[in-house]
Amino acid sequence: ARYQNELAGVDTELLAERFYYQALSVAPQIGMPFNQLGTLAGSKYYNVEATYCYLRCIQSEVSFEGAYGNLKRLYDKAAKMYHQVKKCETRKLSPSKKRGKDIKRLLVSFMYLQSLLQPKSR
């Protein structure tokens, strides 16, 4: 279902997500479904959701090797975004736009902090 979504343009993202959660209910020790859920999450919430999924995959009893690279890629993005967001000026924005920028700054900073706290073993 995920590949139908990516290749054929068929909107099957929710179906793919359901199948991955079903796989986890059958074999919760396998990390691969978490890796796939991270891929499905894409860049939602400034990659926080995908990072959670990749970390769950890595911490699974049977982890998936590709999750380490996926996580590293997200942490590299977080570092770039962090340095960009840090420079943004928000004083002249309306309260609603300022709130959106503040939320972005919070999530990007959280991701950057996560990247700094992760062991550099891989």
N, C-alpha and C. Protein backbone atom coordinates (compact mmCIF):
# COMPACT_ATOMS: atom_id res chain seq x y z
N ALA A 1 0.83 -1.19 0.00
CA ALA A 1 0.00 0.00 0.00
C ALA A 1 0.87 1.25 0.00
N ARG A 2 2.00 1.22 0.73
CA ARG A 2 2.88 2.39 0.75
C ARG A 2 3.47 2.65 -0.61
N TYR A 3 3.87 1.61 -1.29
CA TYR A 3 4.48 1.78 -2.61
C TYR A 3 3.45 2.21 -3.64
N GLN A 4 2.21 1.79 -3.49
CA GLN A 4 1.15 2.29 -4.36
C GLN A 4 1.02 3.79 -4.19
N ASN A 5 1.13 4.23 -2.96
CA ASN A 5 1.04 5.64 -2.65
C ASN A 5 2.18 6.41 -3.32
N GLU A 6 3.41 5.88 -3.21
CA GLU A 6 4.58 6.56 -3.75
C GLU A 6 4.65 6.49 -5.28
N LEU A 7 4.38 5.33 -5.84
CA LEU A 7 4.61 5.12 -7.26
C LEU A 7 3.40 5.40 -8.14
N ALA A 8 2.24 5.02 -7.68
CA ALA A 8 1.05 5.15 -8.53
C ALA A 8 0.22 6.39 -8.20
N GLY A 9 0.60 7.10 -7.18
CA GLY A 9 -0.14 8.29 -6.81
C GLY A 9 -1.49 7.98 -6.17
N VAL A 10 -1.71 6.72 -5.80
CA VAL A 10 -2.95 6.32 -5.14
C VAL A 10 -2.82 6.67 -3.66
N ASP A 11 -3.81 7.32 -3.10
CA ASP A 11 -3.75 7.73 -1.70
C ASP A 11 -4.06 6.55 -0.78
N THR A 12 -3.02 5.81 -0.44
CA THR A 12 -3.19 4.63 0.41
C THR A 12 -2.37 4.74 1.69
N GLU A 13 -1.99 5.95 2.05
CA GLU A 13 -1.13 6.15 3.21
C GLU A 13 -1.76 5.61 4.49
N LEU A 14 -3.04 5.88 4.70
CA LEU A 14 -3.70 5.38 5.91
C LEU A 14 -3.79 3.86 5.92
N LEU A 15 -4.00 3.27 4.76
CA LEU A 15 -4.05 1.81 4.66
C LEU A 15 -2.68 1.22 4.98
N ALA A 16 -1.62 1.81 4.44
CA ALA A 16 -0.27 1.33 4.73
C ALA A 16 0.03 1.45 6.22
N GLU A 17 -0.33 2.58 6.80
CA GLU A 17 -0.11 2.78 8.23
C GLU A 17 -0.85 1.71 9.04
N ARG A 18 -2.06 1.41 8.66
CA ARG A 18 -2.85 0.38 9.35
C ARG A 18 -2.15 -0.98 9.27
N PHE A 19 -1.64 -1.33 8.09
CA PHE A 19 -0.95 -2.61 7.92
C PHE A 19 0.30 -2.69 8.79
N TYR A 20 1.06 -1.59 8.89
CA TYR A 20 2.27 -1.60 9.72
C TYR A 20 1.92 -1.76 11.20
N TYR A 21 0.84 -1.12 11.64
CA TYR A 21 0.42 -1.29 13.04
C TYR A 21 -0.09 -2.71 13.29
N GLN A 22 -0.74 -3.30 12.28
CA GLN A 22 -1.16 -4.70 12.42
C GLN A 22 0.05 -5.61 12.52
N ALA A 23 1.08 -5.33 11.73
CA ALA A 23 2.31 -6.13 11.80
C ALA A 23 2.92 -6.03 13.20
N LEU A 24 2.89 -4.84 13.78
CA LEU A 24 3.42 -4.67 15.14
C LEU A 24 2.59 -5.42 16.17
N SER A 25 1.30 -5.53 15.96
CA SER A 25 0.47 -6.26 16.92
C SER A 25 0.73 -7.76 16.83
N VAL A 26 1.13 -8.24 15.66
CA VAL A 26 1.44 -9.66 15.48
C VAL A 26 2.85 -9.98 15.99
N ALA A 27 3.81 -9.10 15.68
CA ALA A 27 5.20 -9.35 16.06
C ALA A 27 5.82 -8.05 16.59
N PRO A 28 5.51 -7.68 17.84
CA PRO A 28 5.98 -6.39 18.38
C PRO A 28 7.49 -6.28 18.55
N GLN A 29 8.18 -7.40 18.51
CA GLN A 29 9.64 -7.37 18.68
C GLN A 29 10.38 -6.97 17.41
N ILE A 30 9.69 -6.96 16.28
CA ILE A 30 10.30 -6.63 15.00
C ILE A 30 10.24 -5.12 14.78
N GLY A 31 11.38 -4.51 14.47
CA GLY A 31 11.44 -3.06 14.33
C GLY A 31 11.09 -2.53 12.95
N MET A 32 11.14 -3.37 11.93
CA MET A 32 10.91 -2.92 10.56
C MET A 32 9.62 -2.10 10.38
N PRO A 33 8.48 -2.51 10.96
CA PRO A 33 7.28 -1.68 10.78
C PRO A 33 7.46 -0.25 11.30
N PHE A 34 8.22 -0.09 12.38
CA PHE A 34 8.48 1.27 12.88
C PHE A 34 9.29 2.06 11.87
N ASN A 35 10.25 1.41 11.24
CA ASN A 35 11.03 2.10 10.21
C ASN A 35 10.10 2.56 9.08
N GLN A 36 9.19 1.70 8.67
CA GLN A 36 8.28 2.05 7.59
C GLN A 36 7.32 3.16 8.02
N LEU A 37 6.88 3.13 9.27
CA LEU A 37 6.02 4.20 9.78
C LEU A 37 6.78 5.53 9.80
N GLY A 38 8.06 5.47 10.10
CA GLY A 38 8.89 6.68 10.05
C GLY A 38 8.96 7.24 8.65
N THR A 39 9.09 6.35 7.68
CA THR A 39 9.11 6.78 6.28
C THR A 39 7.77 7.40 5.89
N LEU A 40 6.68 6.78 6.32
CA LEU A 40 5.35 7.34 6.04
C LEU A 40 5.15 8.69 6.70
N ALA A 41 5.71 8.88 7.88
CA ALA A 41 5.54 10.14 8.60
C ALA A 41 6.16 11.31 7.84
N GLY A 42 7.18 11.00 7.05
CA GLY A 42 7.82 12.06 6.28
C GLY A 42 8.35 13.16 7.18
N SER A 43 8.09 14.39 6.81
CA SER A 43 8.61 15.51 7.59
C SER A 43 7.54 16.17 8.46
N LYS A 44 6.48 15.43 8.75
CA LYS A 44 5.42 15.98 9.62
C LYS A 44 6.02 16.43 10.95
N TYR A 45 5.53 17.53 11.44
CA TYR A 45 5.96 18.06 12.73
C TYR A 45 7.47 18.23 12.80
N TYR A 46 8.04 18.70 11.70
CA TYR A 46 9.47 18.96 11.62
C TYR A 46 10.30 17.72 11.97
N ASN A 47 9.85 16.58 11.48
CA ASN A 47 10.53 15.28 11.59
C ASN A 47 10.46 14.63 12.98
N VAL A 48 9.73 15.20 13.90
CA VAL A 48 9.64 14.63 15.25
C VAL A 48 8.98 13.26 15.21
N GLU A 49 7.89 13.13 14.47
CA GLU A 49 7.18 11.85 14.41
C GLU A 49 8.05 10.76 13.78
N ALA A 50 8.71 11.08 12.70
CA ALA A 50 9.59 10.10 12.03
C ALA A 50 10.74 9.70 12.95
N THR A 51 11.30 10.66 13.66
CA THR A 51 12.40 10.36 14.58
C THR A 51 11.95 9.38 15.65
N TYR A 52 10.76 9.61 16.20
CA TYR A 52 10.22 8.69 17.19
C TYR A 52 10.14 7.27 16.62
N CYS A 53 9.62 7.14 15.41
CA CYS A 53 9.48 5.81 14.80
C CYS A 53 10.83 5.15 14.58
N TYR A 54 11.80 5.91 14.08
CA TYR A 54 13.13 5.34 13.84
C TYR A 54 13.79 4.93 15.16
N LEU A 55 13.61 5.73 16.20
CA LEU A 55 14.17 5.35 17.50
C LEU A 55 13.52 4.09 18.04
N ARG A 56 12.19 3.97 17.88
CA ARG A 56 11.51 2.74 18.29
C ARG A 56 12.03 1.55 17.52
N CYS A 57 12.29 1.73 16.23
CA CYS A 57 12.82 0.65 15.40
C CYS A 57 14.18 0.19 15.93
N ILE A 58 15.04 1.16 16.20
CA ILE A 58 16.39 0.85 16.67
C ILE A 58 16.36 0.16 18.03
N GLN A 59 15.42 0.55 18.89
CA GLN A 59 15.32 -0.03 20.23
C GLN A 59 14.58 -1.36 20.26
N SER A 60 14.03 -1.77 19.13
CA SER A 60 13.30 -3.03 19.07
C SER A 60 14.25 -4.21 19.26
N GLU A 61 13.68 -5.30 19.71
CA GLU A 61 14.46 -6.53 19.90
C GLU A 61 15.15 -6.93 18.60
N VAL A 62 14.44 -6.83 17.49
CA VAL A 62 15.00 -7.12 16.16
C VAL A 62 14.94 -5.82 15.37
N SER A 63 16.02 -5.03 15.48
CA SER A 63 16.02 -3.72 14.82
C SER A 63 16.30 -3.87 13.32
N PHE A 64 16.11 -2.79 12.61
CA PHE A 64 16.36 -2.75 11.17
C PHE A 64 17.53 -1.81 10.93
N GLU A 65 18.57 -2.31 10.31
CA GLU A 65 19.82 -1.57 10.11
C GLU A 65 19.60 -0.23 9.41
N GLY A 66 18.69 -0.16 8.46
CA GLY A 66 18.46 1.06 7.70
C GLY A 66 17.94 2.22 8.53
N ALA A 67 17.39 1.93 9.70
CA ALA A 67 16.85 3.00 10.55
C ALA A 67 17.95 3.92 11.06
N TYR A 68 19.16 3.40 11.23
CA TYR A 68 20.26 4.24 11.70
C TYR A 68 20.57 5.34 10.69
N GLY A 69 20.62 4.97 9.43
CA GLY A 69 20.87 5.96 8.38
C GLY A 69 19.73 6.95 8.25
N ASN A 70 18.50 6.46 8.38
CA ASN A 70 17.34 7.36 8.31
C ASN A 70 17.38 8.38 9.46
N LEU A 71 17.73 7.91 10.64
CA LEU A 71 17.80 8.78 11.80
C LEU A 71 18.93 9.81 11.64
N LYS A 72 20.06 9.36 11.16
CA LYS A 72 21.19 10.28 10.95
C LYS A 72 20.81 11.38 9.96
N ARG A 73 20.10 11.00 8.91
CA ARG A 73 19.67 11.97 7.91
C ARG A 73 18.75 13.02 8.54
N LEU A 74 17.84 12.58 9.41
CA LEU A 74 16.95 13.53 10.08
C LEU A 74 17.71 14.43 11.04
N TYR A 75 18.69 13.89 11.73
CA TYR A 75 19.49 14.71 12.65
C TYR A 75 20.33 15.73 11.88
N ASP A 76 20.83 15.36 10.72
CA ASP A 76 21.58 16.31 9.90
C ASP A 76 20.66 17.45 9.44
N LYS A 77 19.44 17.10 9.04
CA LYS A 77 18.45 18.12 8.66
C LYS A 77 18.14 19.04 9.84
N ALA A 78 18.01 18.44 11.02
CA ALA A 78 17.68 19.21 12.22
C ALA A 78 18.78 20.23 12.53
N ALA A 79 20.02 19.84 12.37
CA ALA A 79 21.13 20.76 12.63
C ALA A 79 21.08 21.95 11.68
N LYS A 80 20.83 21.68 10.40
CA LYS A 80 20.72 22.77 9.42
C LYS A 80 19.55 23.69 9.74
N MET A 81 18.39 23.09 10.03
CA MET A 81 17.20 23.89 10.33
C MET A 81 17.40 24.69 11.62
N TYR A 82 18.08 24.10 12.59
CA TYR A 82 18.30 24.79 13.86
C TYR A 82 19.07 26.09 13.65
N HIS A 83 20.11 26.03 12.86
CA HIS A 83 20.92 27.22 12.62
C HIS A 83 20.18 28.26 11.79
N GLN A 84 19.24 27.82 10.95
CA GLN A 84 18.43 28.76 10.18
C GLN A 84 17.36 29.41 11.07
N VAL A 85 16.71 28.60 11.88
CA VAL A 85 15.62 29.09 12.74
C VAL A 85 16.16 30.05 13.79
N LYS A 86 17.36 29.78 14.26
CA LYS A 86 17.98 30.61 15.28
C LYS A 86 18.13 32.05 14.80
N LYS A 87 18.35 32.23 13.51
CA LYS A 87 18.59 33.56 12.94
C LYS A 87 17.30 34.32 12.63
N CYS A 88 16.17 33.64 12.60
CA CYS A 88 14.90 34.27 12.21
C CYS A 88 14.46 35.32 13.22
N GLU A 89 14.02 36.43 12.71
CA GLU A 89 13.50 37.52 13.53
C GLU A 89 11.98 37.38 13.66
N THR A 90 11.45 37.42 14.87
CA THR A 90 10.01 37.25 15.05
C THR A 90 9.34 38.44 15.73
N ARG A 91 10.06 39.48 16.04
CA ARG A 91 9.48 40.60 16.78
C ARG A 91 8.37 41.32 16.01
N LYS A 92 8.48 41.42 14.70
CA LYS A 92 7.53 42.20 13.91
C LYS A 92 6.37 41.38 13.35
N LEU A 93 6.23 40.15 13.78
CA LEU A 93 5.17 39.30 13.27
C LEU A 93 3.89 39.46 14.10
N SER A 94 2.77 39.14 13.47
CA SER A 94 1.50 39.13 14.20
C SER A 94 1.55 38.00 15.23
N PRO A 95 0.71 38.08 16.28
CA PRO A 95 0.74 37.03 17.32
C PRO A 95 0.53 35.62 16.78
N SER A 96 -0.36 35.44 15.80
CA SER A 96 -0.60 34.09 15.28
C SER A 96 0.61 33.58 14.49
N LYS A 97 1.23 34.43 13.70
CA LYS A 97 2.43 34.01 12.95
C LYS A 97 3.61 33.79 13.90
N LYS A 98 3.70 34.64 14.93
CA LYS A 98 4.77 34.47 15.91
C LYS A 98 4.62 33.13 16.63
N ARG A 99 3.38 32.76 16.95
CA ARG A 99 3.13 31.48 17.62
C ARG A 99 3.59 30.32 16.74
N GLY A 100 3.27 30.38 15.45
CA GLY A 100 3.71 29.34 14.52
C GLY A 100 5.23 29.24 14.46
N LYS A 101 5.89 30.38 14.41
CA LYS A 101 7.37 30.39 14.39
C LYS A 101 7.93 29.85 15.70
N ASP A 102 7.27 30.19 16.81
CA ASP A 102 7.74 29.70 18.12
C ASP A 102 7.61 28.18 18.21
N ILE A 103 6.52 27.64 17.68
CA ILE A 103 6.33 26.18 17.68
C ILE A 103 7.39 25.52 16.82
N LYS A 104 7.63 26.09 15.65
CA LYS A 104 8.68 25.55 14.78
C LYS A 104 10.03 25.59 15.49
N ARG A 105 10.34 26.71 16.13
CA ARG A 105 11.63 26.84 16.83
C ARG A 105 11.74 25.79 17.94
N LEU A 106 10.65 25.56 18.67
CA LEU A 106 10.65 24.56 19.74
C LEU A 106 10.93 23.17 19.19
N LEU A 107 10.19 22.77 18.15
CA LEU A 107 10.35 21.42 17.60
C LEU A 107 11.72 21.22 16.96
N VAL A 108 12.18 22.22 16.24
CA VAL A 108 13.51 22.12 15.61
C VAL A 108 14.59 22.07 16.68
N SER A 109 14.46 22.87 17.73
CA SER A 109 15.44 22.86 18.82
C SER A 109 15.43 21.51 19.54
N PHE A 110 14.24 20.96 19.74
CA PHE A 110 14.12 19.64 20.36
C PHE A 110 14.84 18.58 19.52
N MET A 111 14.62 18.63 18.22
CA MET A 111 15.28 17.66 17.32
C MET A 111 16.80 17.83 17.37
N TYR A 112 17.26 19.05 17.37
CA TYR A 112 18.70 19.31 17.42
C TYR A 112 19.29 18.79 18.73
N LEU A 113 18.58 19.03 19.84
CA LEU A 113 19.04 18.52 21.13
C LEU A 113 19.10 17.00 21.11
N GLN A 114 18.07 16.36 20.55
CA GLN A 114 18.06 14.89 20.41
C GLN A 114 19.32 14.42 19.68
N SER A 115 19.65 15.12 18.61
CA SER A 115 20.82 14.71 17.81
C SER A 115 22.11 14.82 18.62
N LEU A 116 22.18 15.83 19.47
CA LEU A 116 23.37 16.00 20.30
C LEU A 116 23.48 14.96 21.40
N LEU A 117 22.33 14.45 21.86
CA LEU A 117 22.31 13.49 22.96
C LEU A 117 22.49 12.04 22.50
N GLN A 118 22.36 11.79 21.20
CA GLN A 118 22.48 10.42 20.69
C GLN A 118 23.94 9.98 20.67
N PRO A 119 24.21 8.74 21.05
CA PRO A 119 25.59 8.22 20.96
C PRO A 119 26.02 8.18 19.49
N LYS A 120 27.26 8.44 19.26
CA LYS A 120 27.79 8.49 17.89
C LYS A 120 28.39 7.14 17.46
N SER A 121 27.77 6.06 17.89
CA SER A 121 28.32 4.72 17.64
C SER A 121 28.18 4.29 16.19
N ARG A 122 27.24 4.85 15.43
CA ARG A 122 27.03 4.41 14.04
C ARG A 122 27.21 5.54 13.10
